[in-house]
């Protein structure tokens, strides 16, 4: 019985690593650093400078209202920003500004984490 449980555990561990973490195709910037933080919500910016909250397309105002509702029960949430490497820095700063505005408005301490991929 223990062998069966062990085999099932290995099976699920292997299949869970094959699942793609994002449905939106992005070419992430490369970095050697690794930051592990508990993810509250994910914001995507694709190569057409379109914003997505999780997988739903939004504009900047929609991003703000969506983040407010997603972070309302959190005092120190993490917003993971997955941005294509061709996106201008201004679009990344727009997301950071929205999170900072929410922090100032609700006296919270949410963080923005820029997702990267290892070089190679």
Protein backbone atom coordinates (compact mmCIF):
# COMPACT_ATOMS: atom_id res chain seq x y z
CA UNK A 1 0.00 0.00 0.00
CA UNK A 2 2.86 2.39 0.79
CA UNK A 3 4.40 1.64 -2.61
CA UNK A 4 1.19 2.65 -4.34
CA UNK A 5 0.98 5.92 -2.41
CA UNK A 6 4.64 6.62 -3.22
CA UNK A 7 4.10 5.97 -6.94
CA UNK A 8 1.02 8.21 -7.01
CA UNK A 9 2.97 10.96 -5.24
CA UNK A 10 5.77 10.76 -7.80
CA UNK A 11 3.24 10.76 -10.65
CA UNK A 12 1.50 13.90 -9.42
CA UNK A 13 4.77 15.68 -8.71
CA UNK A 14 6.00 15.01 -12.24
CA UNK A 15 2.76 15.99 -13.96
CA UNK A 16 2.34 19.17 -11.92
CA UNK A 17 5.73 20.45 -13.12
CA UNK A 18 4.65 20.05 -16.73
CA UNK A 19 1.75 22.48 -16.35
CA UNK A 20 2.53 25.88 -17.88
CA UNK A 21 2.46 28.64 -15.22
CA UNK A 22 0.92 31.18 -17.57
CA UNK A 23 -1.50 30.91 -20.44
CA UNK A 24 -0.34 34.19 -21.96
CA UNK A 25 2.75 33.70 -24.10
CA UNK A 26 5.55 35.99 -22.97
CA UNK A 27 9.28 36.09 -23.44
CA UNK A 28 10.34 37.05 -19.92
CA UNK A 29 13.50 39.03 -19.20
CA UNK A 30 16.45 36.95 -18.02
CA UNK A 31 17.97 37.15 -14.57
CA UNK A 32 20.17 35.11 -12.25
CA UNK A 33 18.26 36.18 -9.12
CA UNK A 34 15.56 34.03 -7.62
CA UNK A 35 12.87 35.41 -5.35
CA UNK A 36 10.31 33.11 -3.85
CA UNK A 37 7.27 34.89 -2.49
CA UNK A 38 3.70 33.90 -1.93
CA UNK A 39 1.81 34.98 -5.00
CA UNK A 40 -1.49 36.77 -4.47
CA UNK A 41 -2.33 37.81 -8.03
CA UNK A 42 -0.60 37.97 -11.41
CA UNK A 43 -0.53 40.85 -13.90
CA UNK A 44 0.66 40.23 -17.45
CA UNK A 45 1.85 42.71 -20.07
CA UNK A 46 2.26 41.17 -23.52
CA UNK A 47 4.37 42.36 -26.44
CA UNK A 48 1.44 44.49 -27.70
CA UNK A 49 1.49 46.44 -24.39
CA UNK A 50 -1.86 44.95 -23.36
CA UNK A 51 -2.53 44.44 -19.65
CA UNK A 52 -4.08 41.28 -18.25
CA UNK A 53 -5.28 40.68 -14.71
CA UNK A 54 -4.77 36.96 -14.31
CA UNK A 55 -5.92 36.03 -17.85
CA UNK A 56 -8.54 38.75 -18.33
CA UNK A 57 -7.66 41.72 -20.55
CA UNK A 58 -8.00 45.08 -18.76
CA UNK A 59 -7.05 48.71 -19.20
CA UNK A 60 -5.26 50.68 -16.46
CA UNK A 61 -8.51 51.64 -14.69
CA UNK A 62 -9.74 48.05 -14.89
CA UNK A 63 -6.40 46.93 -13.51
CA UNK A 64 -6.80 49.24 -10.53
CA UNK A 65 -10.32 48.11 -9.69
CA UNK A 66 -9.39 44.46 -10.23
CA UNK A 67 -6.36 44.71 -7.97
CA UNK A 68 -8.39 46.48 -5.29
CA UNK A 69 -10.93 43.65 -5.24
CA UNK A 70 -8.26 40.92 -5.41
CA UNK A 71 -6.16 42.45 -2.62
CA UNK A 72 -8.96 43.63 -0.34
CA UNK A 73 -8.45 40.84 2.21
CA UNK A 74 -4.65 41.19 2.16
CA UNK A 75 -2.48 43.66 4.01
CA UNK A 76 0.82 42.55 2.45
CA UNK A 77 -0.04 40.87 -0.85
CA UNK A 78 2.32 40.15 -3.72
CA UNK A 79 1.51 41.21 -7.26
CA UNK A 80 3.62 39.16 -9.67
CA UNK A 81 4.27 41.11 -12.87
CA UNK A 82 5.00 38.91 -15.87
CA UNK A 83 6.04 41.28 -18.64
CA UNK A 84 7.39 40.51 -22.08
CA UNK A 85 11.01 41.63 -22.42
CA UNK A 86 10.10 43.95 -25.31
CA UNK A 87 7.68 46.02 -23.19
CA UNK A 88 8.74 49.59 -22.48
CA UNK A 89 9.63 50.33 -18.87
CA UNK A 90 6.81 52.88 -18.67
CA UNK A 91 4.20 50.11 -18.81
CA UNK A 92 5.91 48.31 -15.92
CA UNK A 93 6.02 51.58 -13.98
CA UNK A 94 2.28 52.04 -14.64
CA UNK A 95 1.57 48.78 -12.79
CA UNK A 96 3.88 49.76 -9.93
CA UNK A 97 2.12 53.14 -9.70
CA UNK A 98 -1.29 51.45 -9.49
CA UNK A 99 -0.09 49.21 -6.65
CA UNK A 100 1.51 52.17 -4.85
CA UNK A 101 -1.73 54.13 -5.24
CA UNK A 102 -3.66 51.24 -3.67
CA UNK A 103 -1.09 51.09 -0.85
CA UNK A 104 -1.49 54.81 -0.14
CA UNK A 105 -5.28 54.68 -0.39
CA UNK A 106 -5.80 51.67 1.91
CA UNK A 107 -2.63 51.91 4.07
CA UNK A 108 -1.40 48.51 2.89
CA UNK A 109 2.04 47.18 1.98
CA UNK A 110 1.56 45.24 -1.25
CA UNK A 111 4.67 44.42 -3.28
CA UNK A 112 5.27 44.12 -7.02
CA UNK A 113 7.58 41.29 -8.05
CA UNK A 114 8.89 41.22 -11.61
CA UNK A 115 8.99 37.66 -12.92
CA UNK A 116 12.09 36.62 -14.87
CA UNK A 117 13.47 33.47 -16.40
CA UNK A 118 16.94 31.98 -15.98
CA UNK A 119 19.43 32.86 -18.72
CA UNK A 120 20.12 30.39 -21.41
